[in-house]
């Protein structure tokens, strides 16, 4: 018997189910946000800025590194949903294991709990990285270019509303439960959201991908990536801008240390998460309209310019300029509002532009090349921790500010000679 064709939802149904998957995903990731929840948890477990930086670096690097290998295998297949399922259900299971570890530890803590925590966090991060390539490819084949920014904006808007509920629940849980059990319950809540996200996305189905005439081995596949970097100007400049973006977000896990003297005291962390979520929520319609109406490159440039503000405001709140401003928790609520808005704007711009410049029959390969080449920048939070240890907390925001200015200049260079737009 021929293989049974998977059920494929109608176009409107696919749009709604993929949107719902994104909404649940945003709610789930709010519960394990490395800027607030995970940063505070790790600092409470270890008291070390190195550990805080390592958790953020592992989360980002684990997401990016596997994508080159996933892209190679996915490019050979006309069905790529299986890769998504392995990563999506696998990462949710890792979070359940992480929550069980923290519940079992109670208030004992210690080196062994920290080691097991990081072991599970590494596993979660690398399993998560399986998802990105098939997700981007299936979405790009399911949703027309002129509706993709809208899809992402709906995902982030609805996900922002859900994340607000998660933040409210986290505030109550962390205020009433002992450390680290409260964080275990919040992480379990995140795992439930990620399970729902996976179920919704899989239910949308997948149309067959275009067949490629030539399927090279892994060596030629890598050589093709080097050729793309050398010959595709837009891809190359976009890659440079994202390296600089890695230096900008290097400071992300340390904003909470600047805002809250004792980040392991959970209630204040949940308020910052709420401010971040409101920023993400309030900006999504703007990003969706901007990307679809004014173009993905224009959105990329606008977000790069606005990214200058959070480190600049943090430096001012820290009193580097003659203590003209007093450090203020209220001021940091504004900073976290901007961080939420710009994190979503950056994701919408980055995904939209990458889909735009990737050939339709090579989208998994382009995603793999791009994310593997960007992956080393994910380790920069470790450099941030070193800067803090040697110079001080404010110095990491000065470096972030400098990188934001340089990133804006590189993104502006994408205005240069236009190349033929590839079909998408």
Protein backbone atom coordinates (compact mmCIF):
# COMPACT_ATOMS: atom_id res chain seq x y z
CA UNK A 1 0.00 0.00 0.00
CA UNK A 2 1.23 3.54 -0.73
CA UNK A 3 2.09 5.68 2.32
CA UNK A 4 -0.91 7.40 3.78
CA UNK A 5 -1.03 11.14 3.11
CA UNK A 6 -1.23 13.27 6.26
CA UNK A 7 -4.37 15.28 6.84
CA UNK A 8 -3.78 18.89 5.77
CA UNK A 9 -5.95 21.65 7.21
CA UNK A 10 -7.51 24.21 4.87
CA UNK A 11 -5.55 27.48 4.39
CA UNK A 12 -7.58 29.41 6.96
CA UNK A 13 -7.41 26.50 9.40
CA UNK A 14 -3.63 26.24 8.93
CA UNK A 15 -3.23 29.95 9.65
CA UNK A 16 -5.30 29.68 12.84
CA UNK A 17 -3.64 26.49 14.09
CA UNK A 18 -0.13 27.76 13.42
CA UNK A 19 -1.07 31.02 15.14
CA UNK A 20 -2.44 29.10 18.13
CA UNK A 21 0.76 27.03 18.29
CA UNK A 22 2.76 30.23 18.43
CA UNK A 23 0.53 31.69 21.13
CA UNK A 24 0.97 28.64 23.38
CA UNK A 25 4.70 28.68 22.65
CA UNK A 26 5.00 32.32 23.75
CA UNK A 27 3.10 31.56 26.93
CA UNK A 28 5.33 28.58 27.63
CA UNK A 29 8.59 30.43 27.03
CA UNK A 30 7.47 33.23 29.37
CA UNK A 31 7.61 30.68 32.19
CA UNK A 32 11.24 29.86 31.37
CA UNK A 33 12.39 33.32 30.28
CA UNK A 34 16.18 33.53 30.63
CA UNK A 35 16.02 37.29 31.25
CA UNK A 36 13.85 36.95 34.37
CA UNK A 37 12.68 33.54 35.64
CA UNK A 38 15.69 31.39 34.74
CA UNK A 39 18.19 34.17 35.55
CA UNK A 40 16.70 34.59 39.03
CA UNK A 41 16.45 30.83 39.59
CA UNK A 42 20.08 30.22 38.60
CA UNK A 43 21.31 33.16 40.69
CA UNK A 44 19.36 31.79 43.64
CA UNK A 45 20.85 28.32 43.18
CA UNK A 46 24.45 29.47 42.69
CA UNK A 47 24.87 33.17 43.55
CA UNK A 48 27.14 33.41 40.49
CA UNK A 49 26.91 35.81 37.53
CA UNK A 50 28.93 33.23 35.55
CA UNK A 51 26.12 30.71 36.06
CA UNK A 52 23.51 33.29 35.02
CA UNK A 53 25.48 34.03 31.85
CA UNK A 54 26.02 30.32 31.20
CA UNK A 55 22.28 29.54 31.42
CA UNK A 56 21.49 32.24 28.86
CA UNK A 57 24.37 31.17 26.58
CA UNK A 58 23.40 27.50 26.73
CA UNK A 59 19.77 28.32 25.97
CA UNK A 60 20.65 30.33 22.88
CA UNK A 61 23.55 28.19 21.63
CA UNK A 62 21.59 24.97 22.08
CA UNK A 63 18.79 26.48 20.01
CA UNK A 64 21.13 27.44 17.15
CA UNK A 65 23.86 24.78 16.91
CA UNK A 66 21.81 21.68 15.93
CA UNK A 67 20.12 23.50 13.07
CA UNK A 68 22.88 22.92 10.52
CA UNK A 69 22.59 19.13 10.97
CA UNK A 70 18.79 19.21 11.06
CA UNK A 71 18.82 21.31 7.88
CA UNK A 72 21.01 18.77 6.07
CA UNK A 73 18.68 15.87 6.84
CA UNK A 74 15.47 17.88 6.43
CA UNK A 75 16.58 19.22 3.02
CA UNK A 76 16.58 15.64 1.71
CA UNK A 77 12.95 15.01 2.68
CA UNK A 78 9.67 16.28 1.30
CA UNK A 79 8.06 15.79 4.77
CA UNK A 80 9.67 17.66 7.66
CA UNK A 81 7.03 17.51 10.39
CA UNK A 82 8.74 14.55 12.05
CA UNK A 83 11.74 16.72 12.94
CA UNK A 84 9.43 19.30 14.46
CA UNK A 85 7.61 16.68 16.55
CA UNK A 86 10.86 15.26 17.96
CA UNK A 87 12.02 18.68 19.10
CA UNK A 88 8.68 20.11 20.25
CA UNK A 89 7.53 17.18 22.38
CA UNK A 90 11.08 16.46 23.52
CA UNK A 91 11.69 19.93 24.92
CA UNK A 92 8.42 19.87 26.86
CA UNK A 93 9.43 16.53 28.40
CA UNK A 94 12.80 18.03 29.43
CA UNK A 95 11.02 20.85 31.27
CA UNK A 96 8.88 18.34 33.15
CA UNK A 97 12.07 16.56 34.26
CA UNK A 98 13.59 19.90 35.31
CA UNK A 99 10.53 20.77 37.40
CA UNK A 100 10.57 17.34 39.07
CA UNK A 101 14.24 17.86 39.95
CA UNK A 102 13.54 21.19 41.67
CA UNK A 103 10.52 19.80 43.54
CA UNK A 104 12.52 16.80 44.73
CA UNK A 105 15.39 19.03 45.85
CA UNK A 106 13.16 21.09 48.15
CA UNK A 107 15.27 23.65 49.99
CA UNK A 108 18.36 21.46 50.02
CA UNK A 109 20.04 22.87 46.89
CA UNK A 110 23.79 22.23 46.69
CA UNK A 111 26.27 21.35 43.98
CA UNK A 112 24.51 18.15 42.91
CA UNK A 113 21.20 19.94 42.26
CA UNK A 114 23.01 22.64 40.29
CA UNK A 115 24.83 20.03 38.18
CA UNK A 116 21.64 18.11 37.41
CA UNK A 117 19.86 21.38 36.65
CA UNK A 118 22.47 22.38 34.06
CA UNK A 119 22.51 18.87 32.60
CA UNK A 120 18.76 19.01 31.97
CA UNK A 121 18.97 22.63 30.81
CA UNK A 122 21.60 21.67 28.21
CA UNK A 123 19.42 18.78 27.03
CA UNK A 124 16.35 21.02 26.84
CA UNK A 125 18.25 23.67 24.86
CA UNK A 126 19.71 21.30 22.26
CA UNK A 127 16.45 19.37 21.80
CA UNK A 128 14.69 22.71 21.29
CA UNK A 129 17.12 23.47 18.46
CA UNK A 130 15.63 20.66 16.38
CA UNK A 131 12.40 22.63 16.00
CA UNK A 132 13.53 25.82 14.26
CA UNK A 133 14.40 24.56 10.75
CA UNK A 134 11.22 22.51 10.14
CA UNK A 135 9.08 25.22 11.76
CA UNK A 136 10.42 27.99 9.51
CA UNK A 137 10.15 25.84 6.41
CA UNK A 138 6.61 24.58 7.09
CA UNK A 139 5.37 28.08 7.95
CA UNK A 140 6.98 29.58 4.83
CA UNK A 141 5.32 26.90 2.64
CA UNK A 142 1.96 27.26 4.39
CA UNK A 143 1.65 31.04 4.74
CA UNK A 144 2.14 33.53 1.84
CA UNK A 145 4.87 36.16 2.28
CA UNK A 146 2.39 39.02 2.59
CA UNK A 147 0.76 37.37 5.63
CA UNK A 148 3.83 36.13 7.51
CA UNK A 149 4.53 39.27 9.55
CA UNK A 150 0.82 39.32 10.46
CA UNK A 151 1.03 35.67 11.53
CA UNK A 152 4.03 36.40 13.75
CA UNK A 153 2.37 39.51 15.16
CA UNK A 154 -0.78 37.53 16.06
CA UNK A 155 1.42 34.87 17.60
CA UNK A 156 3.19 37.42 19.75
CA UNK A 157 0.04 39.41 20.57
CA UNK A 158 -1.99 36.39 21.65
CA UNK A 159 1.09 34.89 23.25
CA UNK A 160 1.63 38.15 25.10
CA UNK A 161 -1.85 37.96 26.60
CA UNK A 162 -1.20 34.38 27.66
CA UNK A 163 2.24 35.33 28.98
CA UNK A 164 0.60 38.04 31.11
CA UNK A 165 -1.53 35.35 32.72
CA UNK A 166 1.61 33.25 33.20
CA UNK A 167 3.37 36.24 34.80
CA UNK A 168 0.42 36.82 37.13
CA UNK A 169 0.41 33.14 38.09
CA UNK A 170 4.19 33.23 38.57
CA UNK A 171 3.90 36.28 40.82
CA UNK A 172 1.44 34.49 43.08
CA UNK A 173 3.34 31.18 43.03
CA UNK A 174 6.75 32.71 43.74
CA UNK A 175 5.35 34.95 46.48
CA UNK A 176 3.72 32.06 48.36
CA UNK A 177 5.94 29.03 47.74
CA UNK A 178 9.49 28.47 49.04
CA UNK A 179 12.56 28.55 46.81
CA UNK A 180 13.08 26.62 44.53
CA UNK A 181 9.72 24.77 44.63
CA UNK A 182 7.89 27.85 43.37
CA UNK A 183 10.12 27.96 40.31
CA UNK A 184 9.44 24.25 39.72
CA UNK A 185 5.69 24.91 39.51
CA UNK A 186 6.24 27.83 37.10
CA UNK A 187 8.44 25.64 34.87
CA UNK A 188 5.81 22.87 34.92
CA UNK A 189 3.26 25.43 33.75
CA UNK A 190 5.61 26.30 30.89
CA UNK A 191 5.91 22.62 29.94
CA UNK A 192 2.12 22.32 29.71
CA UNK A 193 1.98 25.31 27.33
CA UNK A 194 4.69 23.81 25.10
CA UNK A 195 2.80 20.51 24.87
CA UNK A 196 -0.31 22.39 23.72
CA UNK A 197 1.80 24.33 21.21
CA UNK A 198 3.18 21.14 19.68
CA UNK A 199 -0.26 19.54 19.40
CA UNK A 200 -1.71 22.61 17.67
CA UNK A 201 1.11 22.91 15.13
CA UNK A 202 1.11 19.21 14.23
CA UNK A 203 -2.67 19.35 13.70
CA UNK A 204 -2.19 21.95 10.93
CA UNK A 205 -0.51 19.33 8.73
CA UNK A 206 2.19 19.81 6.11
CA UNK A 207 2.16 20.01 2.33
CA UNK A 208 5.02 18.27 0.48
CA UNK A 209 8.18 20.33 -0.01
CA UNK A 210 9.66 20.78 -3.52
CA UNK A 211 11.94 17.93 -4.49
CA UNK A 212 15.56 18.84 -5.12
CA UNK A 213 17.22 17.30 -8.15
CA UNK A 214 20.60 16.89 -6.43
CA UNK A 215 21.13 15.73 -2.85
CA UNK A 216 24.81 16.23 -1.96
CA UNK A 217 26.70 14.66 0.93
CA UNK A 218 27.37 16.60 4.10
CA UNK A 219 30.75 17.91 2.89
CA UNK A 220 29.36 19.49 -0.30
CA UNK A 221 26.41 20.73 1.75
CA UNK A 222 28.82 22.66 3.99
CA UNK A 223 30.78 23.91 0.97
CA UNK A 224 27.56 25.25 -0.50
CA UNK A 225 27.05 27.23 2.72
CA UNK A 226 30.47 28.85 2.38
CA UNK A 227 29.64 29.72 -1.22
CA UNK A 228 26.36 31.33 -0.14
CA UNK A 229 28.20 33.56 2.35
CA UNK A 230 30.74 34.59 -0.30
CA UNK A 231 28.32 35.29 -3.14
CA UNK A 232 25.07 36.45 -1.49
CA UNK A 233 25.63 40.02 -0.29
CA UNK A 234 22.31 40.31 1.52
CA UNK A 235 22.83 37.03 3.35
CA UNK A 236 26.37 38.07 4.34
CA UNK A 237 25.41 41.51 5.69
CA UNK A 238 22.41 40.00 7.47
CA UNK A 239 24.77 37.50 9.11
CA UNK A 240 27.12 40.30 10.25
CA UNK A 241 24.17 42.21 11.72
CA UNK A 242 23.08 39.19 13.73
CA UNK A 243 26.60 38.68 15.12
CA UNK A 244 26.43 42.25 16.38
CA UNK A 245 22.92 41.51 17.63
CA UNK A 246 24.43 38.74 19.74
CA UNK A 247 26.66 41.34 21.39
CA UNK A 248 23.60 43.53 22.01
CA UNK A 249 21.61 40.78 23.75
CA UNK A 250 24.70 39.63 25.64
CA UNK A 251 23.44 41.93 28.40
CA UNK A 252 19.92 40.46 28.58
CA UNK A 253 20.39 38.04 31.51
CA UNK A 254 22.02 40.79 33.58
CA UNK A 255 19.28 43.44 33.39
CA UNK A 256 17.51 41.66 36.26
CA UNK A 257 20.66 41.97 38.40
CA UNK A 258 20.70 45.71 37.79
CA UNK A 259 16.99 46.07 38.60
CA UNK A 260 16.58 43.83 41.66
CA UNK A 261 19.26 43.57 44.39
CA UNK A 262 18.06 40.09 45.44
CA UNK A 263 16.72 38.41 42.28
CA UNK A 264 16.03 35.11 44.07
CA UNK A 265 13.15 36.91 45.88
CA UNK A 266 10.61 35.92 43.26
CA UNK A 267 7.72 38.41 43.46
CA UNK A 268 9.71 41.35 42.03
CA UNK A 269 10.93 39.17 39.18
CA UNK A 270 7.37 38.36 38.14
CA UNK A 271 6.53 42.09 37.98
CA UNK A 272 9.49 42.67 35.64
CA UNK A 273 8.32 39.71 33.54
CA UNK A 274 4.86 41.33 33.37
CA UNK A 275 6.37 44.64 32.21
CA UNK A 276 8.38 42.79 29.56
CA UNK A 277 5.27 40.92 28.46
CA UNK A 278 3.18 44.09 28.23
CA UNK A 279 5.88 45.64 26.04
CA UNK A 280 5.80 42.63 23.76
CA UNK A 281 2.01 42.63 23.71
CA UNK A 282 1.60 46.34 22.99
CA UNK A 283 4.05 46.39 20.09
CA UNK A 284 3.00 43.37 18.05
CA UNK A 285 0.39 45.03 15.86
CA UNK A 286 2.97 47.68 14.97
CA UNK A 287 5.60 45.10 14.02
CA UNK A 288 3.10 43.07 11.96
CA UNK A 289 1.87 46.13 10.04
CA UNK A 290 5.40 47.44 9.56
CA UNK A 291 6.83 44.18 8.22
CA UNK A 292 3.98 43.48 5.78
CA UNK A 293 3.43 47.05 4.56
CA UNK A 294 6.90 48.65 4.67
CA UNK A 295 9.02 45.54 4.17
CA UNK A 296 11.06 43.14 6.23
CA UNK A 297 14.29 45.09 5.72
CA UNK A 298 12.68 48.32 6.92
CA UNK A 299 11.44 46.56 10.07
CA UNK A 300 14.91 45.10 10.63
CA UNK A 301 16.42 48.60 10.47
CA UNK A 302 13.82 50.17 12.76
CA UNK A 303 14.27 47.53 15.45
CA UNK A 304 18.06 47.85 15.23
CA UNK A 305 17.79 51.59 15.87
CA UNK A 306 15.43 51.17 18.85
CA UNK A 307 17.71 48.54 20.40
CA UNK A 308 20.01 51.39 21.42
CA UNK A 309 17.51 52.50 24.08
CA UNK A 310 17.53 49.70 26.75
CA UNK A 311 21.30 49.72 27.48
CA UNK A 312 21.37 53.51 27.28
CA UNK A 313 18.53 53.86 29.80
CA UNK A 314 20.10 51.25 32.09
CA UNK A 315 23.40 53.14 32.10
CA UNK A 316 21.51 56.33 32.97
CA UNK A 317 19.52 54.61 35.74
CA UNK A 318 22.78 53.24 37.12
CA UNK A 319 24.07 56.80 37.51
CA UNK A 320 27.12 56.60 35.24
CA UNK A 321 26.51 60.17 34.14
CA UNK A 322 27.27 61.98 37.40
CA UNK A 323 24.47 60.24 39.33
CA UNK A 324 22.06 62.62 37.64
CA UNK A 325 19.45 59.88 37.85
CA UNK A 326 18.78 57.71 40.89
CA UNK A 327 18.53 53.97 40.29
CA UNK A 328 14.82 53.23 40.25
CA UNK A 329 12.84 50.01 40.13
CA UNK A 330 10.10 51.99 38.38
CA UNK A 331 12.57 53.07 35.71
CA UNK A 332 13.56 49.47 35.13
CA UNK A 333 9.94 48.59 34.49
CA UNK A 334 10.25 50.88 31.46
CA UNK A 335 13.48 49.16 30.43
CA UNK A 336 11.85 45.72 30.62
CA UNK A 337 8.86 47.07 28.67
CA UNK A 338 11.27 48.02 25.87
CA UNK A 339 13.10 44.69 26.10
CA UNK A 340 9.83 42.83 25.57
CA UNK A 341 8.82 44.99 22.62
CA UNK A 342 12.20 44.78 20.91
CA UNK A 343 12.69 41.07 21.50
CA UNK A 344 9.46 40.38 19.61
CA UNK A 345 10.23 43.00 16.97
CA UNK A 346 13.68 41.51 16.43
CA UNK A 347 12.29 37.98 16.09
CA UNK A 348 9.58 39.05 13.62
CA UNK A 349 12.12 41.03 11.58
CA UNK A 350 14.78 38.32 11.62
CA UNK A 351 12.47 35.42 10.71
CA UNK A 352 10.66 37.46 8.07
CA UNK A 353 13.85 38.66 6.40
CA UNK A 354 15.46 35.20 6.46
CA UNK A 355 12.37 33.65 4.84
CA UNK A 356 12.39 36.48 2.28
CA UNK A 357 15.98 35.95 1.10
CA UNK A 358 15.94 32.12 1.16
CA UNK A 359 15.13 30.25 -2.07
CA UNK A 360 11.93 28.25 -1.74
CA UNK A 361 13.61 24.94 -2.57
CA UNK A 362 16.58 25.58 -0.24
CA UNK A 363 14.92 27.17 2.80
CA UNK A 364 15.96 24.45 5.31
CA UNK A 365 19.57 24.72 4.06
CA UNK A 366 19.62 28.53 4.33
CA UNK A 367 18.13 28.36 7.85
CA UNK A 368 20.76 25.81 8.82
CA UNK A 369 23.65 27.83 7.37
CA UNK A 370 22.46 31.04 8.98
CA UNK A 371 21.79 29.67 12.46
CA UNK A 372 24.97 27.59 12.60
CA UNK A 373 27.05 30.63 11.64
CA UNK A 374 25.24 32.83 14.18
CA UNK A 375 25.52 30.22 16.95
CA UNK A 376 28.94 31.34 18.37
CA UNK A 377 27.44 34.75 19.18
CA UNK A 378 25.07 32.95 21.55
CA UNK A 379 28.00 32.32 23.89
CA UNK A 380 28.58 36.04 24.44
CA UNK A 381 26.68 36.14 27.79
CA UNK A 382 29.71 34.30 29.19
CA UNK A 383 31.86 37.21 28.00
CA UNK A 384 29.31 39.48 29.67
CA UNK A 385 29.82 37.67 32.96
CA UNK A 386 33.58 38.13 32.60
CA UNK A 387 33.16 41.85 31.95
CA UNK A 388 31.03 42.16 35.10
CA UNK A 389 33.58 40.30 37.21
CA UNK A 390 36.52 42.40 35.96
CA UNK A 391 35.01 45.86 35.38
CA UNK A 392 31.54 45.91 36.93
CA UNK A 393 27.87 45.46 36.04
CA UNK A 394 27.44 48.76 34.18
CA UNK A 395 30.27 47.93 31.76
CA UNK A 396 28.29 45.12 30.10
CA UNK A 397 25.58 47.64 29.16
CA UNK A 398 28.19 49.98 27.65
CA UNK A 399 29.38 47.12 25.42
CA UNK A 400 25.78 46.30 24.50
CA UNK A 401 25.10 49.94 23.60
CA UNK A 402 28.18 50.09 21.35
CA UNK A 403 27.15 46.88 19.58
CA UNK A 404 23.61 48.22 19.05
CA UNK A 405 24.97 51.31 17.26
CA UNK A 406 27.20 49.18 15.04
CA UNK A 407 24.35 46.77 14.26
CA UNK A 408 22.17 49.65 13.10
CA UNK A 409 24.91 50.83 10.72
CA UNK A 410 25.32 47.34 9.23
CA UNK A 411 21.56 46.90 8.75
CA UNK A 412 21.45 50.26 6.96
CA UNK A 413 23.98 48.85 4.49
CA UNK A 414 21.28 46.38 3.39
CA UNK A 415 19.73 49.39 1.61
CA UNK A 416 22.53 48.97 -0.96
CA UNK A 417 22.24 47.51 -4.49
CA UNK A 418 19.12 45.37 -4.66
CA UNK A 419 19.44 41.81 -5.88
CA UNK A 420 16.71 39.82 -7.56
CA UNK A 421 14.13 38.76 -4.99
CA UNK A 422 13.94 35.00 -4.80
CA UNK A 423 10.55 33.34 -5.00
CA UNK A 424 8.96 32.59 -1.65
